[in-house]
Amino acid sequence: MEITITREDFLKGLHRIQSIVERRNTTPILTHFLLEATAEEVRISATDLELGFRGTLAAETITPGSLALAARQTYDIVRELSSETPITLTALENNWVQLTADRAVFKIPSLRGDDFPPLPSSEEKDGIEINDQTFREMIGKTIFSISQDETRFALKGALFALHDDEMRMVSSDGHRLAYIRRPHAGIPTPQEVIVPKKALEEIRKLLEESKGEEETSFLGVAGSHLIFKKDDVLLTSRLIEGQFPPYEQVIPRGYEKRALLNREMLLGALKRVSLLSNEK
C-alpha cells in the first residue's frame, strides 16, 4: 500500500479518532486505526468495540491496500511535521511502514488490516434526517445529567424517543432530570433507544463542524446499534439495553407558583454562589 496526503487532511482524520481508540494495551489492535486505500478512496476507521468511526481522507492512492497503525503514535508524528509538506505512507516488508515528509523519514510497525475488527453493518432499517443545530442543542441540554453510577445501567445514557411528530431526549442521574422535545415531521416508526454518553460526546464534536443552519445528518438504528451519518463520516454505537425509568411520572403537571427571571442575571448569581458551595 502507498498513499500521499496533506498533513492538514491526515491530522484532521487522526484527531477525530483519538477519543475513540482504546488507550489500554489489553487488545493491541484496538489501539490502532485501520487505513484502507482503494482506487476510489482512502478510508480511516477506529473502534473500541462499543463505538465505531469511519471517514474518508482526501488522499491519492498510489498502490491499494490496507494496514493498521498505532493511533496515538501516528498522530504525534504527523502533528510535529511541517504543514507545507505532503506525506507519503508506504508499506514495507515484515509489516513496517515508512512515513516520509520532505527530509523527515519514520519507520513504524503496523498490524495486518485484515485483523482489524469490522464495524457493524450500516444498513439501517429506520431513520430520520435531523437538523444539526437542533440535535446539538438537544445533546447539550441533556448530556450533563447522564448518570455515572455503574449500578444504574439504563441511566448511563440518554433516552432518544420519536413519537407523534416529535423528538425527545431525556437523561437523569437520580438527582437531576433533563428533558427536551422538538418537533419533527415525518417520523417513520415510533421508537425509543438509550444512547451511551460517549457516543453523544462524539456526535456533538462532529455536529460542531456544521457550517450552515440548514445542514442535516442521518440518524438511524440497525439491530442493537445507533447509526449516525454526516457527509463522509459514519459513526456507530452499541445501544444500552434495558428500560429507561418512567420519567414522565416525576415531571409536574402543573405549578403552584411560577417566576420569570432574566437568564443572564440568574446565571451570574448562581456562579457567585457556587464559589462557596461544597463540591461533594
C-alpha atoms as a PDB file:
ATOM      1  CA  MET A   1       0.000   0.000   0.000  1.00  0.00           C
ATOM      2  CA  GLU A   2       1.147   3.526  -0.749  1.00  0.00           C
ATOM      3  CA  ILE A   3      -0.708   6.838  -0.448  1.00  0.00           C
ATOM      4  CA  THR A   4       0.070  10.559  -0.498  1.00  0.00           C
ATOM      5  CA  ILE A   5      -1.847  13.011   1.672  1.00  0.00           C
ATOM      6  CA  THR A   6      -1.501  16.544   3.008  1.00  0.00           C
ATOM      7  CA  ARG A   7      -0.591  16.994   6.659  1.00  0.00           C
ATOM      8  CA  GLU A   8      -3.769  19.010   7.284  1.00  0.00           C
ATOM      9  CA  ASP A   9      -6.128  16.328   5.965  1.00  0.00           C
ATOM     10  CA  PHE A  10      -4.284  13.477   7.703  1.00  0.00           C
ATOM     11  CA  LEU A  11      -4.153  15.358  11.003  1.00  0.00           C
ATOM     12  CA  LYS A  12      -7.888  16.104  10.862  1.00  0.00           C
ATOM     13  CA  GLY A  13      -8.704  12.417  10.381  1.00  0.00           C
ATOM     14  CA  LEU A  14      -6.324  11.334  13.149  1.00  0.00           C
ATOM     15  CA  HIS A  15      -7.679  13.950  15.545  1.00  0.00           C
ATOM     16  CA  ARG A  16     -11.230  12.664  15.067  1.00  0.00           C
ATOM     17  CA  ILE A  17     -10.369   9.148  16.259  1.00  0.00           C
ATOM     18  CA  GLN A  18      -8.176   9.910  19.281  1.00  0.00           C
ATOM     19  CA  SER A  19     -11.020   9.678  21.803  1.00  0.00           C
ATOM     20  CA  ILE A  20     -12.404   6.502  20.213  1.00  0.00           C
ATOM     21  CA  VAL A  21      -9.386   4.205  20.093  1.00  0.00           C
ATOM     22  CA  GLU A  22      -8.596   2.115  23.161  1.00  0.00           C
ATOM     23  CA  ARG A  23      -5.799   3.613  25.260  1.00  0.00           C
ATOM     24  CA  ARG A  24      -5.052   0.471  27.278  1.00  0.00           C
ATOM     25  CA  ASN A  25      -2.878  -2.138  25.629  1.00  0.00           C
ATOM     26  CA  THR A  26      -5.001  -5.160  26.613  1.00  0.00           C
ATOM     27  CA  THR A  27      -6.074  -5.648  22.974  1.00  0.00           C
ATOM     28  CA  PRO A  28      -3.317  -4.167  20.766  1.00  0.00           C
ATOM     29  CA  ILE A  29      -5.400  -3.910  17.596  1.00  0.00           C
ATOM     30  CA  LEU A  30      -7.860  -1.567  19.364  1.00  0.00           C
ATOM     31  CA  THR A  31      -5.086   0.972  19.978  1.00  0.00           C
ATOM     32  CA  HIS A  32      -4.672   1.144  16.193  1.00  0.00           C
ATOM     33  CA  PHE A  33      -6.681   2.650  13.358  1.00  0.00           C
ATOM     34  CA  LEU A  34      -7.386   0.995  10.034  1.00  0.00           C
ATOM     35  CA  LEU A  35      -6.209   2.652   6.830  1.00  0.00           C
ATOM     36  CA  GLU A  36      -7.769   1.323   3.608  1.00  0.00           C
ATOM     37  CA  ALA A  37      -6.694   2.583   0.196  1.00  0.00           C
ATOM     38  CA  THR A  38      -8.601   1.756  -2.976  1.00  0.00           C
ATOM     39  CA  ALA A  39      -8.558   3.278  -6.436  1.00  0.00           C
ATOM     40  CA  GLU A  40     -11.652   5.329  -5.486  1.00  0.00           C
ATOM     41  CA  GLU A  41     -10.941   6.496  -1.925  1.00  0.00           C
ATOM     42  CA  VAL A  42      -8.863   6.243   1.252  1.00  0.00           C
ATOM     43  CA  ARG A  43     -10.753   5.412   4.447  1.00  0.00           C
ATOM     44  CA  ILE A  44      -9.795   5.678   8.109  1.00  0.00           C
ATOM     45  CA  SER A  45     -11.572   3.582  10.764  1.00  0.00           C
ATOM     46  CA  ALA A  46     -11.333   3.154  14.531  1.00  0.00           C
ATOM     47  CA  THR A  47     -13.286   1.260  17.184  1.00  0.00           C
ATOM     48  CA  ASP A  48     -13.308   0.272  20.847  1.00  0.00           C
ATOM     49  CA  LEU A  49     -15.901  -2.452  20.067  1.00  0.00           C
ATOM     50  CA  GLU A  50     -18.669  -0.259  21.510  1.00  0.00           C
ATOM     51  CA  LEU A  51     -18.178   2.828  19.359  1.00  0.00           C
ATOM     52  CA  GLY A  52     -17.012   2.815  15.749  1.00  0.00           C
ATOM     53  CA  PHE A  53     -15.854   5.542  13.362  1.00  0.00           C
ATOM     54  CA  ARG A  54     -15.268   5.540   9.619  1.00  0.00           C
ATOM     55  CA  GLY A  55     -14.371   8.505   7.434  1.00  0.00           C
ATOM     56  CA  THR A  56     -12.695   9.271   4.135  1.00  0.00           C
ATOM     57  CA  LEU A  57      -9.418  11.102   3.641  1.00  0.00           C
ATOM     58  CA  ALA A  58      -8.574  13.428   0.768  1.00  0.00           C
ATOM     59  CA  ALA A  59      -5.590  11.330  -0.300  1.00  0.00           C
ATOM     60  CA  GLU A  60      -4.126   9.966  -3.519  1.00  0.00           C
ATOM     61  CA  THR A  61      -3.798   6.189  -3.794  1.00  0.00           C
ATOM     62  CA  ILE A  62      -0.609   5.054  -5.490  1.00  0.00           C
ATOM     63  CA  THR A  63      -0.871   1.395  -4.507  1.00  0.00           C
ATOM     64  CA  PRO A  64      -4.106  -0.038  -2.990  1.00  0.00           C
ATOM     65  CA  GLY A  65      -4.007  -1.969   0.260  1.00  0.00           C
ATOM     66  CA  SER A  66      -4.851  -1.858   3.968  1.00  0.00           C
ATOM     67  CA  LEU A  67      -2.974  -1.799   7.270  1.00  0.00           C
ATOM     68  CA  ALA A  68      -3.411  -0.754  10.910  1.00  0.00           C
ATOM     69  CA  LEU A  69      -1.210   1.872  12.586  1.00  0.00           C
ATOM     70  CA  ALA A  70      -0.893   2.919  16.234  1.00  0.00           C
ATOM     71  CA  ALA A  71      -3.300   5.840  16.573  1.00  0.00           C
ATOM     72  CA  ARG A  72      -1.527   7.920  19.203  1.00  0.00           C
ATOM     73  CA  GLN A  73       1.988   7.409  17.834  1.00  0.00           C
ATOM     74  CA  THR A  74       0.948   8.329  14.279  1.00  0.00           C
ATOM     75  CA  TYR A  75      -0.939  11.386  15.494  1.00  0.00           C
ATOM     76  CA  ASP A  76       2.078  12.624  17.476  1.00  0.00           C
ATOM     77  CA  ILE A  77       4.361  12.185  14.465  1.00  0.00           C
ATOM     78  CA  VAL A  78       2.079  13.954  11.982  1.00  0.00           C
ATOM     79  CA  ARG A  79       1.412  16.801  14.407  1.00  0.00           C
ATOM     80  CA  GLU A  80       5.136  17.654  14.513  1.00  0.00           C
ATOM     81  CA  LEU A  81       5.656  17.650  10.739  1.00  0.00           C
ATOM     82  CA  SER A  82       5.837  20.766   8.594  1.00  0.00           C
ATOM     83  CA  SER A  83       2.418  21.909   7.433  1.00  0.00           C
ATOM     84  CA  GLU A  84       3.683  22.652   3.922  1.00  0.00           C
ATOM     85  CA  THR A  85       4.982  19.175   3.136  1.00  0.00           C
ATOM     86  CA  PRO A  86       2.813  16.328   1.704  1.00  0.00           C
ATOM     87  CA  ILE A  87       3.106  12.991   3.483  1.00  0.00           C
ATOM     88  CA  THR A  88       3.742   9.663   1.809  1.00  0.00           C
ATOM     89  CA  LEU A  89       2.896   6.377   3.553  1.00  0.00           C
ATOM     90  CA  THR A  90       4.492   3.259   2.069  1.00  0.00           C
ATOM     91  CA  ALA A  91       4.028  -0.318   3.281  1.00  0.00           C
ATOM     92  CA  LEU A  92       7.332  -2.202   3.576  1.00  0.00           C
ATOM     93  CA  GLU A  93       8.188  -5.832   4.245  1.00  0.00           C
ATOM     94  CA  ASN A  94       7.514  -7.504   7.612  1.00  0.00           C
ATOM     95  CA  ASN A  95       4.626  -5.150   8.485  1.00  0.00           C
ATOM     96  CA  TRP A  96       6.737  -1.991   8.634  1.00  0.00           C
ATOM     97  CA  VAL A  97       5.510   1.325   7.237  1.00  0.00           C
ATOM     98  CA  GLN A  98       7.629   4.228   6.066  1.00  0.00           C
ATOM     99  CA  LEU A  99       6.227   7.725   6.626  1.00  0.00           C
ATOM    100  CA  THR A 100       8.046  10.364   4.581  1.00  0.00           C
ATOM    101  CA  ALA A 101       7.626  14.133   4.620  1.00  0.00           C
ATOM    102  CA  ASP A 102      10.346  16.125   2.882  1.00  0.00           C
ATOM    103  CA  ARG A 103      13.591  15.196   4.705  1.00  0.00           C
ATOM    104  CA  ALA A 104      11.821  13.528   7.647  1.00  0.00           C
ATOM    105  CA  VAL A 105      11.556   9.742   7.445  1.00  0.00           C
ATOM    106  CA  PHE A 106       9.901   7.497  10.047  1.00  0.00           C
ATOM    107  CA  LYS A 107       9.687   3.720  10.031  1.00  0.00           C
ATOM    108  CA  ILE A 108       6.901   2.462  12.275  1.00  0.00           C
ATOM    109  CA  PRO A 109       5.407  -1.009  12.847  1.00  0.00           C
ATOM    110  CA  SER A 110       1.921  -1.870  11.661  1.00  0.00           C
ATOM    111  CA  LEU A 111      -0.599  -4.656  12.047  1.00  0.00           C
ATOM    112  CA  ARG A 112      -2.461  -6.517   9.328  1.00  0.00           C
ATOM    113  CA  GLY A 113      -5.552  -4.676   8.100  1.00  0.00           C
ATOM    114  CA  ASP A 114      -7.403  -7.996   7.846  1.00  0.00           C
ATOM    115  CA  ASP A 115      -7.123  -8.401  11.637  1.00  0.00           C
ATOM    116  CA  PHE A 116      -8.985  -5.158  12.365  1.00  0.00           C
ATOM    117  CA  PRO A 117     -12.475  -5.711  13.860  1.00  0.00           C
ATOM    118  CA  PRO A 118     -15.224  -4.943  11.327  1.00  0.00           C
ATOM    119  CA  LEU A 119     -17.686  -2.168  12.133  1.00  0.00           C
ATOM    120  CA  PRO A 120     -21.378  -3.064  12.473  1.00  0.00           C
ATOM    121  CA  SER A 121     -23.438  -3.013   9.309  1.00  0.00           C
ATOM    122  CA  SER A 122     -24.704   0.463   8.484  1.00  0.00           C
ATOM    123  CA  GLU A 123     -27.727  -0.872   6.626  1.00  0.00           C
ATOM    124  CA  GLU A 124     -30.279   0.943   8.763  1.00  0.00           C
ATOM    125  CA  LYS A 125     -33.933  -0.115   8.981  1.00  0.00           C
ATOM    126  CA  ASP A 126     -35.451   3.144  10.170  1.00  0.00           C
ATOM    127  CA  GLY A 127     -34.046   6.608  10.403  1.00  0.00           C
ATOM    128  CA  ILE A 128     -34.574  10.326  10.117  1.00  0.00           C
ATOM    129  CA  GLU A 129     -32.783  13.360   8.750  1.00  0.00           C
ATOM    130  CA  ILE A 130     -32.223  15.657  11.715  1.00  0.00           C
ATOM    131  CA  ASN A 131     -31.128  19.295  11.716  1.00  0.00           C
ATOM    132  CA  ASP A 132     -27.586  19.569  13.062  1.00  0.00           C
ATOM    133  CA  GLN A 133     -28.233  22.624  15.227  1.00  0.00           C
ATOM    134  CA  THR A 134     -31.361  21.072  16.734  1.00  0.00           C
ATOM    135  CA  PHE A 135     -29.599  17.797  17.532  1.00  0.00           C
ATOM    136  CA  ARG A 136     -26.607  19.602  19.034  1.00  0.00           C
ATOM    137  CA  GLU A 137     -28.952  21.641  21.232  1.00  0.00           C
ATOM    138  CA  MET A 138     -30.764  18.506  22.423  1.00  0.00           C
ATOM    139  CA  ILE A 139     -27.493  16.773  23.309  1.00  0.00           C
ATOM    140  CA  GLY A 140     -26.142  19.850  25.094  1.00  0.00           C
ATOM    141  CA  LYS A 141     -29.244  20.160  27.266  1.00  0.00           C
ATOM    142  CA  THR A 142     -29.272  16.519  28.410  1.00  0.00           C
ATOM    143  CA  ILE A 143     -25.709  15.161  28.439  1.00  0.00           C
ATOM    144  CA  PHE A 144     -24.746  16.879  31.697  1.00  0.00           C
ATOM    145  CA  SER A 145     -27.203  14.863  33.800  1.00  0.00           C
ATOM    146  CA  ILE A 146     -26.356  11.375  32.481  1.00  0.00           C
ATOM    147  CA  SER A 147     -25.571   9.096  35.413  1.00  0.00           C
ATOM    148  CA  GLN A 148     -22.052   7.818  36.154  1.00  0.00           C
ATOM    149  CA  ASP A 149     -23.385   5.112  38.506  1.00  0.00           C
ATOM    150  CA  GLU A 150     -22.302   1.709  37.183  1.00  0.00           C
ATOM    151  CA  THR A 151     -25.186   0.002  39.018  1.00  0.00           C
ATOM    152  CA  ARG A 152     -27.856   2.015  37.189  1.00  0.00           C
ATOM    153  CA  PHE A 153     -27.090   0.829  33.699  1.00  0.00           C
ATOM    154  CA  ALA A 154     -30.152   2.280  31.943  1.00  0.00           C
ATOM    155  CA  LEU A 155     -29.273   5.767  33.220  1.00  0.00           C
ATOM    156  CA  LYS A 156     -25.734   5.722  31.770  1.00  0.00           C
ATOM    157  CA  GLY A 157     -27.113   7.126  28.547  1.00  0.00           C
ATOM    158  CA  ALA A 158     -29.798   9.487  27.296  1.00  0.00           C
ATOM    159  CA  LEU A 159     -33.172   8.314  26.077  1.00  0.00           C
ATOM    160  CA  PHE A 160     -33.867   9.348  22.491  1.00  0.00           C
ATOM    161  CA  ALA A 161     -37.523   8.938  21.555  1.00  0.00           C
ATOM    162  CA  LEU A 162     -39.523   9.518  18.390  1.00  0.00           C
ATOM    163  CA  HIS A 163     -43.278   9.872  18.879  1.00  0.00           C
ATOM    164  CA  ASP A 164     -46.126  11.721  17.168  1.00  0.00           C
ATOM    165  CA  ASP A 165     -44.047  14.072  15.010  1.00  0.00           C
ATOM    166  CA  GLU A 166     -41.850  14.904  17.980  1.00  0.00           C
ATOM    167  CA  MET A 167     -38.292  14.129  19.101  1.00  0.00           C
ATOM    168  CA  ARG A 168     -37.493  13.816  22.801  1.00  0.00           C
ATOM    169  CA  MET A 169     -34.272  13.421  24.764  1.00  0.00           C
ATOM    170  CA  VAL A 170     -34.213  12.610  28.470  1.00  0.00           C
ATOM    171  CA  SER A 171     -31.430  11.952  30.959  1.00  0.00           C
ATOM    172  CA  SER A 172     -31.224  11.604  34.727  1.00  0.00           C
ATOM    173  CA  ASP A 173     -28.629  10.788  37.377  1.00  0.00           C
ATOM    174  CA  GLY A 174     -31.230  10.157  40.071  1.00  0.00           C
ATOM    175  CA  HIS A 175     -30.965  13.715  41.405  1.00  0.00           C
ATOM    176  CA  ARG A 176     -31.474  15.768  38.259  1.00  0.00           C
ATOM    177  CA  LEU A 177     -33.654  15.156  35.229  1.00  0.00           C
ATOM    178  CA  ALA A 178     -33.154  16.908  31.883  1.00  0.00           C
ATOM    179  CA  TYR A 179     -35.912  16.791  29.286  1.00  0.00           C
ATOM    180  CA  ILE A 180     -36.148  18.471  25.880  1.00  0.00           C
ATOM    181  CA  ARG A 181     -38.513  17.978  22.978  1.00  0.00           C
ATOM    182  CA  ARG A 182     -38.544  19.398  19.475  1.00  0.00           C
ATOM    183  CA  PRO A 183     -40.988  18.958  16.563  1.00  0.00           C
ATOM    184  CA  HIS A 184     -40.043  16.706  13.671  1.00  0.00           C
ATOM    185  CA  ALA A 185     -42.458  15.883  10.878  1.00  0.00           C
ATOM    186  CA  GLY A 186     -42.453  12.598   9.044  1.00  0.00           C
ATOM    187  CA  ILE A 187     -41.278  10.145  11.708  1.00  0.00           C
ATOM    188  CA  PRO A 188     -41.445   6.710  10.004  1.00  0.00           C
ATOM    189  CA  THR A 189     -41.729   4.488  13.078  1.00  0.00           C
ATOM    190  CA  PRO A 190     -42.139   5.474  16.755  1.00  0.00           C
ATOM    191  CA  GLN A 191     -39.242   4.135  18.794  1.00  0.00           C
ATOM    192  CA  GLU A 192     -37.111   4.698  21.878  1.00  0.00           C
ATOM    193  CA  VAL A 193     -33.397   3.940  22.318  1.00  0.00           C
ATOM    194  CA  ILE A 194     -30.837   4.665  25.052  1.00  0.00           C
ATOM    195  CA  VAL A 195     -27.659   6.204  23.625  1.00  0.00           C
ATOM    196  CA  PRO A 196     -24.393   5.970  25.658  1.00  0.00           C
ATOM    197  CA  LYS A 197     -22.780   9.201  26.845  1.00  0.00           C
ATOM    198  CA  LYS A 198     -19.548   8.593  24.908  1.00  0.00           C
ATOM    199  CA  ALA A 199     -21.468   8.272  21.644  1.00  0.00           C
ATOM    200  CA  LEU A 200     -23.280  11.554  22.308  1.00  0.00           C
ATOM    201  CA  GLU A 201     -19.968  13.275  23.041  1.00  0.00           C
ATOM    202  CA  GLU A 202     -18.514  12.103  19.719  1.00  0.00           C
ATOM    203  CA  ILE A 203     -21.653  13.040  17.780  1.00  0.00           C
ATOM    204  CA  ARG A 204     -21.606  16.505  19.330  1.00  0.00           C
ATOM    205  CA  LYS A 205     -17.999  17.001  18.163  1.00  0.00           C
ATOM    206  CA  LEU A 206     -18.989  16.132  14.591  1.00  0.00           C
ATOM    207  CA  LEU A 207     -22.033  18.415  14.749  1.00  0.00           C
ATOM    208  CA  GLU A 208     -19.798  21.303  15.782  1.00  0.00           C
ATOM    209  CA  GLU A 209     -18.221  21.095  12.314  1.00  0.00           C
ATOM    210  CA  SER A 210     -21.539  22.130  10.717  1.00  0.00           C
ATOM    211  CA  LYS A 211     -21.305  25.449   8.927  1.00  0.00           C
ATOM    212  CA  GLY A 212     -24.917  26.214   7.970  1.00  0.00           C
ATOM    213  CA  GLU A 213     -28.226  26.415   9.800  1.00  0.00           C
ATOM    214  CA  GLU A 214     -29.871  24.065   7.314  1.00  0.00           C
ATOM    215  CA  GLU A 215     -27.307  21.238   7.465  1.00  0.00           C
ATOM    216  CA  THR A 216     -28.658  17.838   8.458  1.00  0.00           C
ATOM    217  CA  SER A 217     -27.391  14.413   9.476  1.00  0.00           C
ATOM    218  CA  PHE A 218     -28.876  10.937   9.297  1.00  0.00           C
ATOM    219  CA  LEU A 219     -29.798   9.100  12.487  1.00  0.00           C
ATOM    220  CA  GLY A 220     -30.977   5.501  12.366  1.00  0.00           C
ATOM    221  CA  VAL A 221     -30.972   2.145  14.101  1.00  0.00           C
ATOM    222  CA  ALA A 222     -29.569  -1.147  12.796  1.00  0.00           C
ATOM    223  CA  GLY A 223     -30.165  -4.013  15.215  1.00  0.00           C
ATOM    224  CA  SER A 224     -28.609  -3.080  18.552  1.00  0.00           C
ATOM    225  CA  HIS A 225     -26.594  -0.174  17.125  1.00  0.00           C
ATOM    226  CA  LEU A 226     -27.180   3.505  16.515  1.00  0.00           C
ATOM    227  CA  ILE A 227     -26.129   4.742  13.071  1.00  0.00           C
ATOM    228  CA  PHE A 228     -25.058   8.373  12.629  1.00  0.00           C
ATOM    229  CA  LYS A 229     -24.036   9.667   9.208  1.00  0.00           C
ATOM    230  CA  LYS A 230     -22.805  13.132   8.334  1.00  0.00           C
ATOM    231  CA  ASP A 231     -21.199  13.905   4.994  1.00  0.00           C
ATOM    232  CA  ASP A 232     -18.356  11.370   4.616  1.00  0.00           C
ATOM    233  CA  VAL A 233     -18.417  10.224   8.258  1.00  0.00           C
ATOM    234  CA  LEU A 234     -20.111   7.146   9.721  1.00  0.00           C
ATOM    235  CA  LEU A 235     -20.392   6.710  13.492  1.00  0.00           C
ATOM    236  CA  THR A 236     -21.852   3.555  15.039  1.00  0.00           C
ATOM    237  CA  SER A 237     -22.574   2.903  18.693  1.00  0.00           C
ATOM    238  CA  ARG A 238     -23.904  -0.044  20.620  1.00  0.00           C
ATOM    239  CA  LEU A 239     -27.153   0.967  22.303  1.00  0.00           C
ATOM    240  CA  ILE A 240     -27.746   0.480  26.025  1.00  0.00           C
ATOM    241  CA  GLU A 241     -30.112  -2.377  26.738  1.00  0.00           C
ATOM    242  CA  GLY A 242     -32.803  -2.096  29.363  1.00  0.00           C
ATOM    243  CA  GLN A 243     -35.811   0.044  30.178  1.00  0.00           C
ATOM    244  CA  PHE A 244     -35.430   3.745  30.852  1.00  0.00           C
ATOM    245  CA  PRO A 245     -37.311   4.719  34.063  1.00  0.00           C
ATOM    246  CA  PRO A 246     -40.796   6.263  33.646  1.00  0.00           C
ATOM    247  CA  TYR A 247     -39.569   9.857  33.651  1.00  0.00           C
ATOM    248  CA  GLU A 248     -42.960  11.391  32.864  1.00  0.00           C
ATOM    249  CA  GLN A 249     -44.215  10.420  36.308  1.00  0.00           C
ATOM    250  CA  VAL A 250     -41.814  12.825  38.030  1.00  0.00           C
ATOM    251  CA  ILE A 251     -42.469  15.815  35.750  1.00  0.00           C
ATOM    252  CA  PRO A 252     -45.034  18.106  37.440  1.00  0.00           C
ATOM    253  CA  ARG A 253     -48.313  18.502  35.577  1.00  0.00           C
ATOM    254  CA  GLY A 254     -48.844  21.979  36.963  1.00  0.00           C
ATOM    255  CA  TYR A 255     -47.254  24.636  39.147  1.00  0.00           C
ATOM    256  CA  GLU A 256     -48.497  26.409  42.248  1.00  0.00           C
ATOM    257  CA  LYS A 257     -46.089  29.293  41.664  1.00  0.00           C
ATOM    258  CA  ARG A 258     -44.101  30.453  38.661  1.00  0.00           C
ATOM    259  CA  ALA A 259     -41.389  33.082  38.228  1.00  0.00           C
ATOM    260  CA  LEU A 260     -39.999  34.748  35.120  1.00  0.00           C
ATOM    261  CA  LEU A 261     -36.275  35.500  35.541  1.00  0.00           C
ATOM    262  CA  ASN A 262     -33.589  37.149  33.469  1.00  0.00           C
ATOM    263  CA  ARG A 263     -31.343  34.316  32.283  1.00  0.00           C
ATOM    264  CA  GLU A 264     -28.031  36.192  32.422  1.00  0.00           C
ATOM    265  CA  MET A 265     -28.721  37.633  35.872  1.00  0.00           C
ATOM    266  CA  LEU A 266     -29.683  34.217  37.245  1.00  0.00           C
ATOM    267  CA  LEU A 267     -26.609  32.587  35.709  1.00  0.00           C
ATOM    268  CA  GLY A 268     -24.337  35.231  37.207  1.00  0.00           C
ATOM    269  CA  ALA A 269     -25.881  34.818  40.660  1.00  0.00           C
ATOM    270  CA  LEU A 270     -25.503  31.032  40.525  1.00  0.00           C
ATOM    271  CA  LYS A 271     -21.829  31.342  39.548  1.00  0.00           C
ATOM    272  CA  ARG A 272     -21.120  33.616  42.511  1.00  0.00           C
ATOM    273  CA  VAL A 273     -22.952  31.382  44.974  1.00  0.00           C
ATOM    274  CA  SER A 274     -21.219  28.260  43.639  1.00  0.00           C
ATOM    275  CA  LEU A 275     -17.840  29.658  44.713  1.00  0.00           C
ATOM    276  CA  LEU A 276     -18.734  28.785  48.321  1.00  0.00           C
ATOM    277  CA  SER A 277     -20.564  25.535  47.646  1.00  0.00           C
ATOM    278  CA  ASN A 278     -19.271  22.124  48.679  1.00  0.00           C
ATOM    279  CA  GLU A 279     -18.311  20.125  45.573  1.00  0.00           C
ATOM    280  CA  LYS A 280     -19.407  16.913  47.284  1.00  0.00           C
END
